[in-house]
Amino acid sequence: MKAPSGEQWVHEVKHDGYRLMARKVDGRVRLYTKQGYDWSRKYPLIAEALYRLRVTSVVLDGEAMCFTNGMHDFDKLWSNCFDDTVRLCAFDLLELNGEDYRGKPSG
């Protein structure tokens, strides 16, 4: 089966990971799941990368993902054995330095 095409259709790549909201405010970093759990300690590589950003504040929406040979690997992510290698594939910038980007056009 082939995906429909045309101007009325919008397609988005399905990432195989865990949805996260990554937030840095006043030097404090938090990674929140859809259910509101704080996974900042679970994924230290993401938390550290966010902490190093030279911004006052930022909120990113994305997927926590594991990779094997450049391809996403959900089994690796799901095993919890590789939590220290999990990366964030951010797809939406929601806030930056106090400015709300949610209503702004993309592109």
PDB file of N, CA and C in Angstrom:
ATOM      1  N   MET A   1       0.850  -1.174   0.000  1.00  0.00           N
ATOM      2  CA  MET A   1       0.000   0.000   0.000  1.00  0.00           C
ATOM      3  C   MET A   1       0.895   1.236   0.000  1.00  0.00           C
ATOM      4  N   LYS A   2       0.546   2.199  -0.793  1.00  0.00           N
ATOM      5  CA  LYS A   2       1.315   3.423  -0.929  1.00  0.00           C
ATOM      6  C   LYS A   2       0.613   4.564  -0.186  1.00  0.00           C
ATOM      7  N   ALA A   3       1.409   5.412   0.457  1.00  0.00           N
ATOM      8  CA  ALA A   3       0.852   6.571   1.181  1.00  0.00           C
ATOM      9  C   ALA A   3       0.216   7.543   0.195  1.00  0.00           C
ATOM     10  N   PRO A   4      -0.894   8.177   0.583  1.00  0.00           N
ATOM     11  CA  PRO A   4      -1.534   9.153  -0.308  1.00  0.00           C
ATOM     12  C   PRO A   4      -0.645  10.366  -0.529  1.00  0.00           C
ATOM     13  N   SER A   5      -0.797  11.017  -1.655  1.00  0.00           N
ATOM     14  CA  SER A   5       0.000  12.212  -1.958  1.00  0.00           C
ATOM     15  C   SER A   5      -0.925  13.349  -2.374  1.00  0.00           C
ATOM     16  N   GLY A   6      -0.357  14.528  -2.439  1.00  0.00           N
ATOM     17  CA  GLY A   6      -1.116  15.704  -2.815  1.00  0.00           C
ATOM     18  C   GLY A   6      -1.011  16.777  -1.750  1.00  0.00           C
ATOM     19  N   GLU A   7      -1.416  17.980  -2.106  1.00  0.00           N
ATOM     20  CA  GLU A   7      -1.286  19.123  -1.196  1.00  0.00           C
ATOM     21  C   GLU A   7      -2.113  18.995   0.065  1.00  0.00           C
ATOM     22  N   GLN A   8      -3.179  18.233   0.038  1.00  0.00           N
ATOM     23  CA  GLN A   8      -4.053  18.092   1.203  1.00  0.00           C
ATOM     24  C   GLN A   8      -3.498  17.119   2.239  1.00  0.00           C
ATOM     25  N   TRP A   9      -2.390  16.418   1.933  1.00  0.00           N
ATOM     26  CA  TRP A   9      -1.810  15.424   2.832  1.00  0.00           C
ATOM     27  C   TRP A   9      -0.513  15.936   3.441  1.00  0.00           C
ATOM     28  N   VAL A  10      -0.356  15.675   4.734  1.00  0.00           N
ATOM     29  CA  VAL A  10       0.882  16.003   5.442  1.00  0.00           C
ATOM     30  C   VAL A  10       1.381  14.704   6.065  1.00  0.00           C
ATOM     31  N   HIS A  11       2.664  14.431   5.910  1.00  0.00           N
ATOM     32  CA  HIS A  11       3.243  13.209   6.460  1.00  0.00           C
ATOM     33  C   HIS A  11       4.361  13.557   7.421  1.00  0.00           C
ATOM     34  N   GLU A  12       4.473  12.770   8.456  1.00  0.00           N
ATOM     35  CA  GLU A  12       5.525  12.966   9.450  1.00  0.00           C
ATOM     36  C   GLU A  12       6.183  11.620   9.715  1.00  0.00           C
ATOM     37  N   VAL A  13       7.499  11.618   9.851  1.00  0.00           N
ATOM     38  CA  VAL A  13       8.230  10.391  10.144  1.00  0.00           C
ATOM     39  C   VAL A  13       7.848   9.920  11.537  1.00  0.00           C
ATOM     40  N   LYS A  14       7.567   8.624  11.670  1.00  0.00           N
ATOM     41  CA  LYS A  14       7.267   8.042  12.978  1.00  0.00           C
ATOM     42  C   LYS A  14       8.580   7.620  13.619  1.00  0.00           C
ATOM     43  N   HIS A  15       8.914   8.284  14.704  1.00  0.00           N
ATOM     44  CA  HIS A  15      10.103   7.933  15.454  1.00  0.00           C
ATOM     45  C   HIS A  15       9.732   6.856  16.460  1.00  0.00           C
ATOM     46  N   ASP A  16      10.596   5.881  16.612  1.00  0.00           N
ATOM     47  CA  ASP A  16      10.340   4.781  17.531  1.00  0.00           C
ATOM     48  C   ASP A  16      11.069   5.053  18.841  1.00  0.00           C
ATOM     49  N   GLY A  17      10.428   5.791  19.723  1.00  0.00           N
ATOM     50  CA  GLY A  17      11.055   6.123  20.990  1.00  0.00           C
ATOM     51  C   GLY A  17      10.016   6.482  22.023  1.00  0.00           C
ATOM     52  N   TYR A  18      10.485   7.126  23.078  1.00  0.00           N
ATOM     53  CA  TYR A  18       9.601   7.611  24.136  1.00  0.00           C
ATOM     54  C   TYR A  18       9.471   9.125  24.007  1.00  0.00           C
ATOM     55  N   ARG A  19       8.265   9.617  24.009  1.00  0.00           N
ATOM     56  CA  ARG A  19       8.007  11.047  23.894  1.00  0.00           C
ATOM     57  C   ARG A  19       8.478  11.749  25.158  1.00  0.00           C
ATOM     58  N   LEU A  20       9.223  12.845  24.983  1.00  0.00           N
ATOM     59  CA  LEU A  20       9.728  13.630  26.112  1.00  0.00           C
ATOM     60  C   LEU A  20       9.561  15.108  25.853  1.00  0.00           C
ATOM     61  N   MET A  21       9.321  15.847  26.931  1.00  0.00           N
ATOM     62  CA  MET A  21       9.406  17.303  26.915  1.00  0.00           C
ATOM     63  C   MET A  21      10.686  17.629  27.685  1.00  0.00           C
ATOM     64  N   ALA A  22      11.611  18.261  27.015  1.00  0.00           N
ATOM     65  CA  ALA A  22      12.888  18.613  27.631  1.00  0.00           C
ATOM     66  C   ALA A  22      12.852  20.091  27.985  1.00  0.00           C
ATOM     67  N   ARG A  23      13.134  20.401  29.242  1.00  0.00           N
ATOM     68  CA  ARG A  23      12.976  21.778  29.725  1.00  0.00           C
ATOM     69  C   ARG A  23      14.196  22.207  30.525  1.00  0.00           C
ATOM     70  N   LYS A  24      14.691  23.390  30.211  1.00  0.00           N
ATOM     71  CA  LYS A  24      15.763  24.014  30.990  1.00  0.00           C
ATOM     72  C   LYS A  24      15.287  25.416  31.373  1.00  0.00           C
ATOM     73  N   VAL A  25      15.263  25.678  32.672  1.00  0.00           N
ATOM     74  CA  VAL A  25      14.872  26.988  33.179  1.00  0.00           C
ATOM     75  C   VAL A  25      15.787  27.320  34.351  1.00  0.00           C
ATOM     76  N   ASP A  26      16.425  28.485  34.293  1.00  0.00           N
ATOM     77  CA  ASP A  26      17.306  28.939  35.372  1.00  0.00           C
ATOM     78  C   ASP A  26      18.358  27.895  35.755  1.00  0.00           C
ATOM     79  N   GLY A  27      18.923  27.221  34.750  1.00  0.00           N
ATOM     80  CA  GLY A  27      19.974  26.247  34.993  1.00  0.00           C
ATOM     81  C   GLY A  27      19.490  24.893  35.478  1.00  0.00           C
ATOM     82  N   ARG A  28      18.195  24.719  35.631  1.00  0.00           N
ATOM     83  CA  ARG A  28      17.627  23.444  36.089  1.00  0.00           C
ATOM     84  C   ARG A  28      17.018  22.706  34.892  1.00  0.00           C
ATOM     85  N   VAL A  29      17.418  21.448  34.724  1.00  0.00           N
ATOM     86  CA  VAL A  29      16.974  20.644  33.585  1.00  0.00           C
ATOM     87  C   VAL A  29      16.017  19.564  34.056  1.00  0.00           C
ATOM     88  N   ARG A  30      14.942  19.376  33.284  1.00  0.00           N
ATOM     89  CA  ARG A  30      13.985  18.321  33.557  1.00  0.00           C
ATOM     90  C   ARG A  30      13.543  17.699  32.232  1.00  0.00           C
ATOM     91  N   LEU A  31      13.373  16.386  32.245  1.00  0.00           N
ATOM     92  CA  LEU A  31      12.862  15.635  31.100  1.00  0.00           C
ATOM     93  C   LEU A  31      11.563  14.973  31.544  1.00  0.00           C
ATOM     94  N   TYR A  32      10.450  15.367  30.945  1.00  0.00           N
ATOM     95  CA  TYR A  32       9.146  14.872  31.365  1.00  0.00           C
ATOM     96  C   TYR A  32       8.535  13.930  30.330  1.00  0.00           C
ATOM     97  N   THR A  33       7.946  12.836  30.821  1.00  0.00           N
ATOM     98  CA  THR A  33       7.207  11.915  29.960  1.00  0.00           C
ATOM     99  C   THR A  33       5.804  12.468  29.733  1.00  0.00           C
ATOM    100  N   LYS A  34       5.053  11.813  28.849  1.00  0.00           N
ATOM    101  CA  LYS A  34       3.661  12.221  28.611  1.00  0.00           C
ATOM    102  C   LYS A  34       2.826  12.107  29.873  1.00  0.00           C
ATOM    103  N   GLN A  35       3.194  11.187  30.755  1.00  0.00           N
ATOM    104  CA  GLN A  35       2.444  10.993  31.998  1.00  0.00           C
ATOM    105  C   GLN A  35       2.938  11.916  33.111  1.00  0.00           C
ATOM    106  N   GLY A  36       3.948  12.741  32.823  1.00  0.00           N
ATOM    107  CA  GLY A  36       4.439  13.707  33.802  1.00  0.00           C
ATOM    108  C   GLY A  36       5.564  13.218  34.688  1.00  0.00           C
ATOM    109  N   TYR A  37       6.119  12.042  34.406  1.00  0.00           N
ATOM    110  CA  TYR A  37       7.254  11.552  35.190  1.00  0.00           C
ATOM    111  C   TYR A  37       8.524  12.290  34.801  1.00  0.00           C
ATOM    112  N   ASP A  38       9.384  12.507  35.765  1.00  0.00           N
ATOM    113  CA  ASP A  38      10.661  13.176  35.525  1.00  0.00           C
ATOM    114  C   ASP A  38      11.718  12.106  35.254  1.00  0.00           C
ATOM    115  N   TRP A  39      12.196  12.049  34.016  1.00  0.00           N
ATOM    116  CA  TRP A  39      13.210  11.070  33.626  1.00  0.00           C
ATOM    117  C   TRP A  39      14.576  11.716  33.438  1.00  0.00           C
ATOM    118  N   SER A  40      14.838  12.814  34.108  1.00  0.00           N
ATOM    119  CA  SER A  40      16.113  13.525  33.978  1.00  0.00           C
ATOM    120  C   SER A  40      17.291  12.651  34.372  1.00  0.00           C
ATOM    121  N   ARG A  41      17.132  11.861  35.405  1.00  0.00           N
ATOM    122  CA  ARG A  41      18.225  10.974  35.852  1.00  0.00           C
ATOM    123  C   ARG A  41      18.326   9.725  34.977  1.00  0.00           C
ATOM    124  N   LYS A  42      17.212   9.326  34.389  1.00  0.00           N
ATOM    125  CA  LYS A  42      17.192   8.127  33.544  1.00  0.00           C
ATOM    126  C   LYS A  42      18.020   8.329  32.278  1.00  0.00           C
ATOM    127  N   TYR A  43      17.988   9.528  31.709  1.00  0.00           N
ATOM    128  CA  TYR A  43      18.694   9.823  30.460  1.00  0.00           C
ATOM    129  C   TYR A  43      19.716  10.941  30.662  1.00  0.00           C
ATOM    130  N   PRO A  44      20.838  10.629  31.278  1.00  0.00           N
ATOM    131  CA  PRO A  44      21.823  11.655  31.617  1.00  0.00           C
ATOM    132  C   PRO A  44      22.463  12.342  30.418  1.00  0.00           C
ATOM    133  N   LEU A  45      22.590  11.643  29.289  1.00  0.00           N
ATOM    134  CA  LEU A  45      23.194  12.262  28.105  1.00  0.00           C
ATOM    135  C   LEU A  45      22.322  13.405  27.589  1.00  0.00           C
ATOM    136  N   ILE A  46      21.013  13.196  27.578  1.00  0.00           N
ATOM    137  CA  ILE A  46      20.088  14.246  27.142  1.00  0.00           C
ATOM    138  C   ILE A  46      20.105  15.401  28.137  1.00  0.00           C
ATOM    139  N   ALA A  47      20.028  15.085  29.419  1.00  0.00           N
ATOM    140  CA  ALA A  47      20.010  16.122  30.456  1.00  0.00           C
ATOM    141  C   ALA A  47      21.277  16.975  30.392  1.00  0.00           C
ATOM    142  N   GLU A  48      22.422  16.335  30.221  1.00  0.00           N
ATOM    143  CA  GLU A  48      23.686  17.071  30.159  1.00  0.00           C
ATOM    144  C   GLU A  48      23.747  17.962  28.917  1.00  0.00           C
ATOM    145  N   ALA A  49      23.286  17.459  27.791  1.00  0.00           N
ATOM    146  CA  ALA A  49      23.281  18.257  26.558  1.00  0.00           C
ATOM    147  C   ALA A  49      22.389  19.485  26.719  1.00  0.00           C
ATOM    148  N   LEU A  50      21.251  19.310  27.336  1.00  0.00           N
ATOM    149  CA  LEU A  50      20.339  20.418  27.566  1.00  0.00           C
ATOM    150  C   LEU A  50      20.961  21.431  28.531  1.00  0.00           C
ATOM    151  N   TYR A  51      21.584  20.923  29.570  1.00  0.00           N
ATOM    152  CA  TYR A  51      22.230  21.783  30.558  1.00  0.00           C
ATOM    153  C   TYR A  51      23.321  22.649  29.911  1.00  0.00           C
ATOM    154  N   ARG A  52      24.028  22.104  28.940  1.00  0.00           N
ATOM    155  CA  ARG A  52      25.131  22.826  28.292  1.00  0.00           C
ATOM    156  C   ARG A  52      24.683  23.892  27.291  1.00  0.00           C
ATOM    157  N   LEU A  53      23.418  23.864  26.907  1.00  0.00           N
ATOM    158  CA  LEU A  53      22.935  24.887  25.975  1.00  0.00           C
ATOM    159  C   LEU A  53      23.097  26.267  26.592  1.00  0.00           C
ATOM    160  N   ARG A  54      23.607  27.184  25.822  1.00  0.00           N
ATOM    161  CA  ARG A  54      23.849  28.551  26.310  1.00  0.00           C
ATOM    162  C   ARG A  54      22.596  29.399  26.129  1.00  0.00           C
ATOM    163  N   VAL A  55      21.563  29.020  26.869  1.00  0.00           N
ATOM    164  CA  VAL A  55      20.285  29.728  26.835  1.00  0.00           C
ATOM    165  C   VAL A  55      19.791  29.898  28.260  1.00  0.00           C
ATOM    166  N   THR A  56      18.950  30.898  28.456  1.00  0.00           N
ATOM    167  CA  THR A  56      18.334  31.112  29.760  1.00  0.00           C
ATOM    168  C   THR A  56      17.276  30.055  30.021  1.00  0.00           C
ATOM    169  N   SER A  57      16.475  29.794  28.991  1.00  0.00           N
ATOM    170  CA  SER A  57      15.426  28.785  29.107  1.00  0.00           C
ATOM    171  C   SER A  57      15.112  28.213  27.734  1.00  0.00           C
ATOM    172  N   VAL A  58      14.637  26.968  27.751  1.00  0.00           N
ATOM    173  CA  VAL A  58      14.242  26.307  26.502  1.00  0.00           C
ATOM    174  C   VAL A  58      13.291  25.155  26.844  1.00  0.00           C
ATOM    175  N   VAL A  59      12.323  24.934  25.954  1.00  0.00           N
ATOM    176  CA  VAL A  59      11.443  23.773  26.046  1.00  0.00           C
ATOM    177  C   VAL A  59      11.400  23.132  24.664  1.00  0.00           C
ATOM    178  N   LEU A  60      11.761  21.845  24.621  1.00  0.00           N
ATOM    179  CA  LEU A  60      11.779  21.085  23.378  1.00  0.00           C
ATOM    180  C   LEU A  60      10.845  19.887  23.509  1.00  0.00           C
ATOM    181  N   ASP A  61      10.166  19.566  22.427  1.00  0.00           N
ATOM    182  CA  ASP A  61       9.337  18.368  22.355  1.00  0.00           C
ATOM    183  C   ASP A  61      10.060  17.400  21.434  1.00  0.00           C
ATOM    184  N   GLY A  62      10.177  16.144  21.850  1.00  0.00           N
ATOM    185  CA  GLY A  62      10.900  15.198  21.008  1.00  0.00           C
ATOM    186  C   GLY A  62      10.733  13.763  21.455  1.00  0.00           C
ATOM    187  N   GLU A  63      11.563  12.904  20.886  1.00  0.00           N
ATOM    188  CA  GLU A  63      11.550  11.475  21.188  1.00  0.00           C
ATOM    189  C   GLU A  63      12.911  11.060  21.719  1.00  0.00           C
ATOM    190  N   ALA A  64      12.914  10.351  22.838  1.00  0.00           N
ATOM    191  CA  ALA A  64      14.125   9.732  23.356  1.00  0.00           C
ATOM    192  C   ALA A  64      14.334   8.457  22.549  1.00  0.00           C
ATOM    193  N   MET A  65      15.536   8.307  21.975  1.00  0.00           N
ATOM    194  CA  MET A  65      15.777   7.181  21.084  1.00  0.00           C
ATOM    195  C   MET A  65      17.172   6.593  21.275  1.00  0.00           C
ATOM    196  N   CYS A  66      17.277   5.295  21.014  1.00  0.00           N
ATOM    197  CA  CYS A  66      18.556   4.589  20.951  1.00  0.00           C
ATOM    198  C   CYS A  66      18.847   4.292  19.490  1.00  0.00           C
ATOM    199  N   PHE A  67      20.122   4.190  19.170  1.00  0.00           N
ATOM    200  CA  PHE A  67      20.524   3.923  17.801  1.00  0.00           C
ATOM    201  C   PHE A  67      21.528   2.779  17.738  1.00  0.00           C
ATOM    202  N   THR A  68      21.438   2.021  16.664  1.00  0.00           N
ATOM    203  CA  THR A  68      22.421   1.007  16.331  1.00  0.00           C
ATOM    204  C   THR A  68      22.776   1.202  14.863  1.00  0.00           C
ATOM    205  N   ASN A  69      24.044   1.460  14.598  1.00  0.00           N
ATOM    206  CA  ASN A  69      24.504   1.702  13.216  1.00  0.00           C
ATOM    207  C   ASN A  69      23.683   2.779  12.514  1.00  0.00           C
ATOM    208  N   GLY A  70      23.345   3.839  13.237  1.00  0.00           N
ATOM    209  CA  GLY A  70      22.622   4.968  12.659  1.00  0.00           C
ATOM    210  C   GLY A  70      21.122   4.784  12.515  1.00  0.00           C
ATOM    211  N   MET A  71      20.604   3.627  12.900  1.00  0.00           N
ATOM    212  CA  MET A  71      19.171   3.364  12.800  1.00  0.00           C
ATOM    213  C   MET A  71      18.569   3.292  14.193  1.00  0.00           C
ATOM    214  N   HIS A  72      17.341   3.785  14.337  1.00  0.00           N
ATOM    215  CA  HIS A  72      16.703   3.730  15.648  1.00  0.00           C
ATOM    216  C   HIS A  72      16.485   2.276  16.042  1.00  0.00           C
ATOM    217  N   ASP A  73      16.612   2.023  17.333  1.00  0.00           N
ATOM    218  CA  ASP A  73      16.560   0.656  17.847  1.00  0.00           C
ATOM    219  C   ASP A  73      15.673   0.647  19.090  1.00  0.00           C
ATOM    220  N   PHE A  74      14.371   0.386  18.896  1.00  0.00           N
ATOM    221  CA  PHE A  74      13.434   0.436  20.007  1.00  0.00           C
ATOM    222  C   PHE A  74      13.710  -0.662  21.029  1.00  0.00           C
ATOM    223  N   ASP A  75      14.119  -1.839  20.577  1.00  0.00           N
ATOM    224  CA  ASP A  75      14.427  -2.923  21.512  1.00  0.00           C
ATOM    225  C   ASP A  75      15.545  -2.524  22.468  1.00  0.00           C
ATOM    226  N   LYS A  76      16.529  -1.846  21.947  1.00  0.00           N
ATOM    227  CA  LYS A  76      17.647  -1.363  22.765  1.00  0.00           C
ATOM    228  C   LYS A  76      17.142  -0.339  23.785  1.00  0.00           C
ATOM    229  N   LEU A  77      16.283   0.564  23.338  1.00  0.00           N
ATOM    230  CA  LEU A  77      15.702   1.573  24.229  1.00  0.00           C
ATOM    231  C   LEU A  77      14.849   0.908  25.301  1.00  0.00           C
ATOM    232  N   TRP A  78      14.003  -0.001  24.880  1.00  0.00           N
ATOM    233  CA  TRP A  78      13.072  -0.662  25.779  1.00  0.00           C
ATOM    234  C   TRP A  78      13.779  -1.504  26.838  1.00  0.00           C
ATOM    235  N   SER A  79      14.963  -2.010  26.541  1.00  0.00           N
ATOM    236  CA  SER A  79      15.688  -2.872  27.480  1.00  0.00           C
ATOM    237  C   SER A  79      16.179  -2.126  28.723  1.00  0.00           C
ATOM    238  N   ASN A  80      16.282  -0.802  28.636  1.00  0.00           N
ATOM    239  CA  ASN A  80      16.792   0.041  29.723  1.00  0.00           C
ATOM    240  C   ASN A  80      18.274  -0.200  30.025  1.00  0.00           C
ATOM    241  N   CYS A  81      18.935  -1.033  29.257  1.00  0.00           N
ATOM    242  CA  CYS A  81      20.367  -1.311  29.482  1.00  0.00           C
ATOM    243  C   CYS A  81      21.259  -0.243  28.874  1.00  0.00           C
ATOM    244  N   PHE A  82      20.700   0.610  28.032  1.00  0.00           N
ATOM    245  CA  PHE A  82      21.499   1.595  27.309  1.00  0.00           C
ATOM    246  C   PHE A  82      21.045   3.021  27.612  1.00  0.00           C
ATOM    247  N   ASP A  83      20.421   3.237  28.789  1.00  0.00           N
ATOM    248  CA  ASP A  83      19.880   4.553  29.135  1.00  0.00           C
ATOM    249  C   ASP A  83      20.921   5.661  29.057  1.00  0.00           C
ATOM    250  N   ASP A  84      22.184   5.337  29.310  1.00  0.00           N
ATOM    251  CA  ASP A  84      23.231   6.357  29.276  1.00  0.00           C
ATOM    252  C   ASP A  84      23.636   6.732  27.846  1.00  0.00           C
ATOM    253  N   THR A  85      23.057   6.074  26.825  1.00  0.00           N
ATOM    254  CA  THR A  85      23.367   6.401  25.432  1.00  0.00           C
ATOM    255  C   THR A  85      22.164   6.989  24.692  1.00  0.00           C
ATOM    256  N   VAL A  86      21.029   7.106  25.373  1.00  0.00           N
ATOM    257  CA  VAL A  86      19.805   7.595  24.738  1.00  0.00           C
ATOM    258  C   VAL A  86      19.960   9.059  24.348  1.00  0.00           C
ATOM    259  N   ARG A  87      19.479   9.377  23.151  1.00  0.00           N
ATOM    260  CA  ARG A  87      19.563  10.743  22.615  1.00  0.00           C
ATOM    261  C   ARG A  87      18.152  11.287  22.372  1.00  0.00           C
ATOM    262  N   LEU A  88      18.061  12.601  22.327  1.00  0.00           N
ATOM    263  CA  LEU A  88      16.783  13.251  22.061  1.00  0.00           C
ATOM    264  C   LEU A  88      16.730  13.696  20.607  1.00  0.00           C
ATOM    265  N   CYS A  89      15.708  13.268  19.898  1.00  0.00           N
ATOM    266  CA  CYS A  89      15.438  13.766  18.555  1.00  0.00           C
ATOM    267  C   CYS A  89      14.327  14.794  18.710  1.00  0.00           C
ATOM    268  N   ALA A  90      14.728  16.052  18.803  1.00  0.00           N
ATOM    269  CA  ALA A  90      13.765  17.138  19.033  1.00  0.00           C
ATOM    270  C   ALA A  90      13.095  17.505  17.720  1.00  0.00           C
ATOM    271  N   PHE A  91      11.781  17.664  17.752  1.00  0.00           N
ATOM    272  CA  PHE A  91      11.069  18.061  16.548  1.00  0.00           C
ATOM    273  C   PHE A  91      10.273  19.345  16.709  1.00  0.00           C
ATOM    274  N   ASP A  92      10.153  19.862  17.927  1.00  0.00           N
ATOM    275  CA  ASP A  92       9.461  21.139  18.115  1.00  0.00           C
ATOM    276  C   ASP A  92      10.175  21.974  19.168  1.00  0.00           C
ATOM    277  N   LEU A  93      10.435  23.229  18.818  1.00  0.00           N
ATOM    278  CA  LEU A  93      10.935  24.219  19.770  1.00  0.00           C
ATOM    279  C   LEU A  93       9.715  24.973  20.269  1.00  0.00           C
ATOM    280  N   LEU A  94       9.404  24.816  21.552  1.00  0.00           N
ATOM    281  CA  LEU A  94       8.190  25.420  22.103  1.00  0.00           C
ATOM    282  C   LEU A  94       8.455  26.756  22.787  1.00  0.00           C
ATOM    283  N   GLU A  95       9.655  26.897  23.362  1.00  0.00           N
ATOM    284  CA  GLU A  95       9.998  28.138  24.073  1.00  0.00           C
ATOM    285  C   GLU A  95      11.506  28.309  24.051  1.00  0.00           C
ATOM    286  N   LEU A  96      11.946  29.551  23.897  1.00  0.00           N
ATOM    287  CA  LEU A  96      13.373  29.855  23.923  1.00  0.00           C
ATOM    288  C   LEU A  96      13.581  31.217  24.566  1.00  0.00           C
ATOM    289  N   ASN A  97      14.385  31.225  25.631  1.00  0.00           N
ATOM    290  CA  ASN A  97      14.712  32.463  26.353  1.00  0.00           C
ATOM    291  C   ASN A  97      13.473  33.282  26.698  1.00  0.00           C
ATOM    292  N   GLY A  98      12.435  32.586  27.156  1.00  0.00           N
ATOM    293  CA  GLY A  98      11.214  33.269  27.600  1.00  0.00           C
ATOM    294  C   GLY A  98      10.236  33.586  26.492  1.00  0.00           C
ATOM    295  N   GLU A  99      10.579  33.315  25.240  1.00  0.00           N
ATOM    296  CA  GLU A  99       9.671  33.604  24.119  1.00  0.00           C
ATOM    297  C   GLU A  99       8.931  32.346  23.703  1.00  0.00           C
ATOM    298  N   ASP A 100       7.617  32.428  23.673  1.00  0.00           N
ATOM    299  CA  ASP A 100       6.758  31.312  23.294  1.00  0.00           C
ATOM    300  C   ASP A 100       6.759  31.149  21.767  1.00  0.00           C
ATOM    301  N   TYR A 101       7.177  29.996  21.288  1.00  0.00           N
ATOM    302  CA  TYR A 101       7.257  29.730  19.851  1.00  0.00           C
ATOM    303  C   TYR A 101       6.066  28.902  19.337  1.00  0.00           C
ATOM    304  N   ARG A 102       5.153  28.514  20.205  1.00  0.00           N
ATOM    305  CA  ARG A 102       4.076  27.617  19.786  1.00  0.00           C
ATOM    306  C   ARG A 102       3.188  28.194  18.693  1.00  0.00           C
ATOM    307  N   GLY A 103       2.937  29.481  18.685  1.00  0.00           N
ATOM    308  CA  GLY A 103       2.057  30.070  17.688  1.00  0.00           C
ATOM    309  C   GLY A 103       2.772  30.562  16.436  1.00  0.00           C
ATOM    310  N   LYS A 104       4.086  30.413  16.401  1.00  0.00           N
ATOM    311  CA  LYS A 104       4.854  30.917  15.266  1.00  0.00           C
ATOM    312  C   LYS A 104       4.865  29.905  14.125  1.00  0.00           C
ATOM    313  N   PRO A 105       4.848  30.388  12.894  1.00  0.00           N
ATOM    314  CA  PRO A 105       4.907  29.447  11.761  1.00  0.00           C
ATOM    315  C   PRO A 105       6.278  28.783  11.676  1.00  0.00           C
ATOM    316  N   SER A 106       6.280  27.545  11.225  1.00  0.00           N
ATOM    317  CA  SER A 106       7.558  26.838  11.049  1.00  0.00           C
ATOM    318  C   SER A 106       8.053  27.066   9.628  1.00  0.00           C
ATOM    319  N   GLY A 107       9.337  26.801   9.461  1.00  0.00           N
ATOM    320  CA  GLY A 107       9.903  26.904   8.109  1.00  0.00           C
ATOM    321  C   GLY A 107      10.403  28.210   7.868  1.00  0.00           C
TER     322      GLY A 107
END
